[in-house]
Amino acid sequence: MSYVPDYAPPTGHPLGTNKYFRFASWILIPLLNALTKRNWQGRENIPSSGPVIVASNHVSYVDALVLTHFLFKNGRAPRFLGKEAVFRVPIIGKIIAGSGQIPVLRESDEASDALQHALAFLRAGHCVGVYPEGTLTRDENLWPMVAKTGIARLALISHAPVIPCAQWGDHELLPRYGKKLVFWRRTKITIIAGAPVDLSRWYGKAEDQKSLEAATAAVMGAITELLEGIRGESAPAVTFDPRTSDLPRTGNFKKSKK
């Protein structure tokens, strides 16, 4: 696909909005308001301006829409990294690309292109959203997995603050790998934005694999702690690691097992 992003510094309110964002918000925000009950916490941790990375757990295809709603209503129009296939969907793909979202060719040699786009947006002062796991969690109880190190590389190169977010309830609105929204009830969605994760000890070590893994673990640890608070229970002592699993790295693993 042809992707020509606009790296201009963010303007407008919410900061970073453009005509594609405004068009989508006119349609999607009333829909999300009708379908969900929202418990939003930690708004004060979202910087009102300047570069920032927002990192969250991933349990449903609707996650990015719900988190964008949270950020948009709290003053930021984010640029999310998302799988490239969505950008090829007629009409929807054009809106997604036009709003500045970043395509990722997962598990390919071109996946690193997304990092360069994200860095350019951060240098311009944008809010960049990342799902560090890179796909919906494979954990059977929907706890966060061991994540890819792209989030750490992005943070260590840019020095942008990383805000951990935990979201829960999205899977009740649209089940993991489901394609049909639940319309017959208003689903409670909880989002908590935490304080920035201190990654300064790893600055200057963006090419060191152990440092990348440690920084990534710090971010995911903060996300998991927030999620434990929402769920009122402890995460597993051993985090599910997709690298040591025989499940496929991306896509609907339930479908592939049939």
Protein backbone atom coordinates (compact mmCIF):
# COMPACT_ATOMS: atom_id res chain seq x y z
CA MET A 1 0.00 0.00 0.00
CA SER A 2 1.04 3.62 -0.52
CA TYR A 3 1.36 5.45 2.78
CA VAL A 4 2.19 9.17 2.81
CA PRO A 5 1.93 10.47 6.39
CA ASP A 6 1.73 14.11 7.39
CA TYR A 7 4.40 14.72 10.03
CA ALA A 8 3.34 18.31 10.64
CA PRO A 9 3.21 19.35 14.32
CA PRO A 10 -0.19 18.65 15.89
CA THR A 11 -2.79 21.41 15.91
CA GLY A 12 -6.44 21.84 16.83
CA HIS A 13 -8.42 20.47 19.71
CA PRO A 14 -8.11 17.68 20.54
CA LEU A 15 -4.44 18.22 19.76
CA GLY A 16 -3.54 16.36 16.56
CA THR A 17 -7.02 16.27 15.10
CA ASN A 18 -7.66 16.68 11.37
CA LYS A 19 -10.60 16.38 8.98
CA TYR A 20 -10.45 12.57 8.98
CA PHE A 21 -10.45 12.46 12.77
CA ARG A 22 -13.36 14.88 12.93
CA PHE A 23 -15.39 12.89 10.40
CA ALA A 24 -14.78 9.61 12.24
CA SER A 25 -15.54 11.18 15.62
CA TRP A 26 -18.94 12.45 14.43
CA ILE A 27 -19.89 8.87 13.64
CA LEU A 28 -18.09 6.80 16.25
CA ILE A 29 -18.36 8.83 19.45
CA PRO A 30 -22.20 8.82 19.51
CA LEU A 31 -22.08 5.07 18.78
CA LEU A 32 -19.58 4.38 21.58
CA ASN A 33 -21.56 6.58 23.96
CA ALA A 34 -24.67 4.53 23.20
CA LEU A 35 -22.96 1.15 23.51
CA THR A 36 -20.75 1.70 26.55
CA LYS A 37 -20.69 2.87 30.13
CA ARG A 38 -17.28 4.40 30.79
CA ASN A 39 -15.11 4.28 33.89
CA TRP A 40 -12.18 6.47 32.92
CA GLN A 41 -9.38 7.12 35.40
CA GLY A 42 -5.96 8.77 35.30
CA ARG A 43 -6.78 11.52 32.85
CA GLU A 44 -4.30 13.76 34.66
CA ASN A 45 -1.48 11.48 33.48
CA ILE A 46 -2.11 12.27 29.80
CA PRO A 47 0.11 15.25 28.83
CA SER A 48 -1.87 18.04 27.19
CA SER A 49 0.92 18.63 24.64
CA GLY A 50 4.29 17.32 23.52
CA PRO A 51 5.40 13.87 22.41
CA VAL A 52 3.99 10.96 24.37
CA ILE A 53 3.66 7.20 23.92
CA VAL A 54 0.54 5.51 25.26
CA ALA A 55 0.91 1.74 25.71
CA SER A 56 -1.93 -0.63 26.56
CA ASN A 57 -2.95 -4.28 26.86
CA HIS A 58 -4.82 -5.87 23.95
CA VAL A 59 -7.95 -8.04 24.38
CA SER A 60 -10.31 -7.13 21.51
CA TYR A 61 -10.37 -5.71 17.99
CA VAL A 62 -12.31 -2.75 19.42
CA ASP A 63 -9.49 -1.78 21.83
CA ALA A 64 -7.99 0.97 19.68
CA LEU A 65 -11.38 2.63 19.09
CA VAL A 66 -12.16 2.62 22.81
CA LEU A 67 -8.73 3.94 23.80
CA THR A 68 -8.85 6.58 21.06
CA HIS A 69 -12.21 7.70 22.47
CA PHE A 70 -10.57 8.06 25.91
CA LEU A 71 -7.58 10.01 24.55
CA PHE A 72 -9.65 12.14 22.17
CA LYS A 73 -11.99 13.24 24.96
CA ASN A 74 -8.95 14.05 27.08
CA GLY A 75 -7.33 16.36 24.57
CA ARG A 76 -5.18 14.14 22.32
CA ALA A 77 -5.83 12.69 18.85
CA PRO A 78 -3.45 9.71 18.77
CA ARG A 79 -1.54 7.98 15.99
CA PHE A 80 -1.76 4.23 16.57
CA LEU A 81 0.39 1.48 15.12
CA GLY A 82 -1.95 -1.11 13.60
CA LYS A 83 -1.87 -4.08 11.26
CA GLU A 84 -1.49 -3.13 7.62
CA ALA A 85 -4.44 -5.23 6.41
CA VAL A 86 -6.93 -2.79 7.96
CA PHE A 87 -5.53 0.03 5.83
CA ARG A 88 -6.56 -1.85 2.69
CA VAL A 89 -10.25 -2.01 3.63
CA PRO A 90 -12.22 0.22 1.19
CA ILE A 91 -13.23 3.63 2.59
CA ILE A 92 -12.33 2.68 6.19
CA GLY A 93 -8.70 2.25 5.22
CA LYS A 94 -8.58 5.70 3.67
CA ILE A 95 -10.02 7.27 6.83
CA ILE A 96 -7.57 5.39 9.03
CA ALA A 97 -4.59 6.41 6.90
CA GLY A 98 -5.85 9.98 6.54
CA SER A 99 -6.12 10.36 10.30
CA GLY A 100 -2.42 9.51 10.57
CA GLN A 101 -2.56 5.95 11.86
CA ILE A 102 0.56 3.89 11.19
CA PRO A 103 0.47 0.56 9.27
CA VAL A 104 2.59 -2.31 10.52
CA LEU A 105 3.57 -5.23 8.28
CA ARG A 106 3.78 -7.69 11.14
CA GLU A 107 6.37 -10.48 11.13
CA SER A 108 8.06 -9.03 8.05
CA ASP A 109 11.31 -7.26 7.18
CA GLU A 110 9.28 -4.09 6.61
CA ALA A 111 7.85 -4.01 10.14
CA SER A 112 10.64 -1.62 11.16
CA ASP A 113 9.22 1.02 8.78
CA ALA A 114 6.45 1.60 11.32
CA LEU A 115 9.07 2.53 13.93
CA GLN A 116 10.44 5.27 11.70
CA HIS A 117 6.96 6.68 11.09
CA ALA A 118 6.22 6.61 14.83
CA LEU A 119 9.51 8.36 15.62
CA ALA A 120 8.72 11.08 13.09
CA PHE A 121 5.33 11.68 14.68
CA LEU A 122 6.89 11.87 18.14
CA ARG A 123 9.54 14.34 16.96
CA ALA A 124 6.71 16.52 15.67
CA GLY A 125 5.00 16.42 19.09
CA HIS A 126 2.24 13.86 18.53
CA CYS A 127 0.68 11.26 20.81
CA VAL A 128 1.53 7.75 19.56
CA GLY A 129 -0.47 4.70 20.69
CA VAL A 130 1.09 1.25 20.90
CA TYR A 131 -0.15 -2.24 21.76
CA PRO A 132 3.23 -3.74 22.73
CA GLU A 133 2.05 -7.36 22.47
CA GLY A 134 1.57 -6.81 18.73
CA THR A 135 -1.60 -8.90 18.61
CA LEU A 136 -4.51 -9.91 20.83
CA THR A 137 -3.32 -11.70 23.94
CA ARG A 138 -3.03 -15.46 23.72
CA ASP A 139 -3.32 -15.84 27.49
CA GLU A 140 -6.39 -17.96 28.22
CA ASN A 141 -7.60 -15.52 30.88
CA LEU A 142 -6.79 -12.39 28.86
CA TRP A 143 -3.79 -11.28 30.91
CA PRO A 144 -1.01 -9.42 29.08
CA MET A 145 1.66 -11.54 27.37
CA VAL A 146 5.38 -11.06 27.07
CA ALA A 147 5.54 -8.20 24.57
CA LYS A 148 7.66 -7.37 21.56
CA THR A 149 10.52 -4.92 22.16
CA GLY A 150 9.35 -2.29 19.65
CA ILE A 151 7.81 -0.22 22.45
CA ALA A 152 11.18 -0.05 24.23
CA ARG A 153 13.10 0.83 21.08
CA LEU A 154 10.63 3.63 20.33
CA ALA A 155 10.87 5.01 23.87
CA LEU A 156 14.65 4.71 24.24
CA ILE A 157 15.33 6.45 20.94
CA SER A 158 12.74 9.22 21.34
CA HIS A 159 12.94 9.72 25.13
CA ALA A 160 9.19 10.40 24.97
CA PRO A 161 7.29 9.63 28.19
CA VAL A 162 5.51 6.27 28.19
CA ILE A 163 2.05 6.26 29.76
CA PRO A 164 0.84 2.75 30.69
CA CYS A 165 -2.86 2.13 30.19
CA ALA A 166 -5.01 -0.82 31.16
CA GLN A 167 -8.36 -1.36 29.48
CA TRP A 168 -10.96 -3.92 30.46
CA GLY A 169 -14.47 -4.72 29.30
CA ASP A 170 -13.70 -4.29 25.61
CA HIS A 171 -13.96 -8.09 25.18
CA GLU A 172 -17.54 -7.88 26.48
CA LEU A 173 -18.38 -5.35 23.76
CA LEU A 174 -16.59 -7.35 21.04
CA PRO A 175 -15.28 -10.79 22.07
CA ARG A 176 -11.67 -11.66 21.31
CA TYR A 177 -11.53 -12.34 17.56
CA GLY A 178 -15.26 -11.66 17.34
CA LYS A 179 -16.77 -9.59 14.53
CA LYS A 180 -20.19 -8.70 15.97
CA LEU A 181 -20.61 -5.91 18.52
CA VAL A 182 -22.92 -6.49 21.46
CA PHE A 183 -25.81 -4.09 20.85
CA TRP A 184 -28.35 -5.38 23.37
CA ARG A 185 -26.66 -3.90 26.46
CA ARG A 186 -24.40 -1.04 27.40
CA THR A 187 -21.02 -2.56 28.16
CA LYS A 188 -18.92 -1.19 31.02
CA ILE A 189 -15.48 -0.19 29.77
CA THR A 190 -12.75 0.68 32.26
CA ILE A 191 -9.60 2.51 31.22
CA ILE A 192 -6.90 3.60 33.65
CA ALA A 193 -3.93 5.71 32.57
CA GLY A 194 -1.00 5.41 34.96
CA ALA A 195 1.98 7.60 35.73
CA PRO A 196 4.85 7.59 33.21
CA VAL A 197 7.15 4.56 33.36
CA ASP A 198 10.72 5.57 34.19
CA LEU A 199 12.89 4.09 31.45
CA SER A 200 15.80 6.52 31.85
CA ARG A 201 18.18 3.83 33.13
CA TRP A 202 18.08 2.27 29.65
CA TYR A 203 18.56 5.47 27.61
CA GLY A 204 21.40 5.07 25.14
CA LYS A 205 20.91 1.29 25.01
CA ALA A 206 18.39 1.00 22.19
CA GLU A 207 20.62 -1.51 20.38
CA ASP A 208 21.17 -3.74 23.40
CA GLN A 209 18.73 -6.66 23.39
CA LYS A 210 18.80 -7.26 27.15
CA SER A 211 18.09 -3.59 27.81
CA LEU A 212 15.23 -3.62 25.30
CA GLU A 213 13.73 -6.67 26.99
CA ALA A 214 14.10 -5.16 30.46
CA ALA A 215 12.54 -1.85 29.41
CA THR A 216 9.68 -3.67 27.68
CA ALA A 217 9.08 -5.75 30.81
CA ALA A 218 8.94 -2.55 32.87
CA VAL A 219 6.22 -1.12 30.64
CA MET A 220 4.22 -4.35 30.61
CA GLY A 221 4.63 -4.69 34.36
CA ALA A 222 3.06 -1.26 34.86
CA ILE A 223 0.18 -2.14 32.52
CA THR A 224 -0.39 -5.47 34.27
CA GLU A 225 -0.41 -3.82 37.71
CA LEU A 226 -3.11 -1.40 36.56
CA LEU A 227 -5.11 -4.29 35.12
CA GLU A 228 -4.83 -6.21 38.40
CA GLY A 229 -6.43 -3.23 40.11
CA ILE A 230 -9.32 -3.19 37.65
CA ARG A 231 -9.92 -6.93 37.83
CA GLY A 232 -9.33 -7.22 41.57
CA GLU A 233 -7.09 -10.24 41.16
CA SER A 234 -3.45 -11.10 40.60
CA ALA A 235 -1.96 -11.87 37.23
CA PRO A 236 -0.34 -15.31 36.75
CA ALA A 237 3.08 -15.71 38.36
CA VAL A 238 4.43 -16.78 34.97
CA THR A 239 3.56 -14.48 32.07
CA PHE A 240 2.43 -16.20 28.88
CA ASP A 241 5.28 -16.03 26.36
CA PRO A 242 4.22 -16.41 22.70
CA ARG A 243 7.84 -17.08 21.74
CA THR A 244 7.82 -20.41 23.57
CA SER A 245 4.28 -21.37 22.55
CA ASP A 246 3.28 -23.49 19.58
CA LEU A 247 0.43 -21.08 18.83
CA PRO A 248 0.76 -18.87 15.72
CA ARG A 249 2.33 -15.48 16.47
CA THR A 250 -0.51 -13.49 14.84
CA GLY A 251 -4.09 -14.04 13.72
CA ASN A 252 -6.98 -15.97 15.23
CA PHE A 253 -5.23 -18.84 16.98
CA LYS A 254 -8.58 -20.38 17.96
CA LYS A 255 -9.55 -20.66 14.30
CA SER A 256 -6.20 -22.17 13.37
CA LYS A 257 -6.60 -24.92 15.98
CA LYS A 258 -9.83 -26.23 14.41
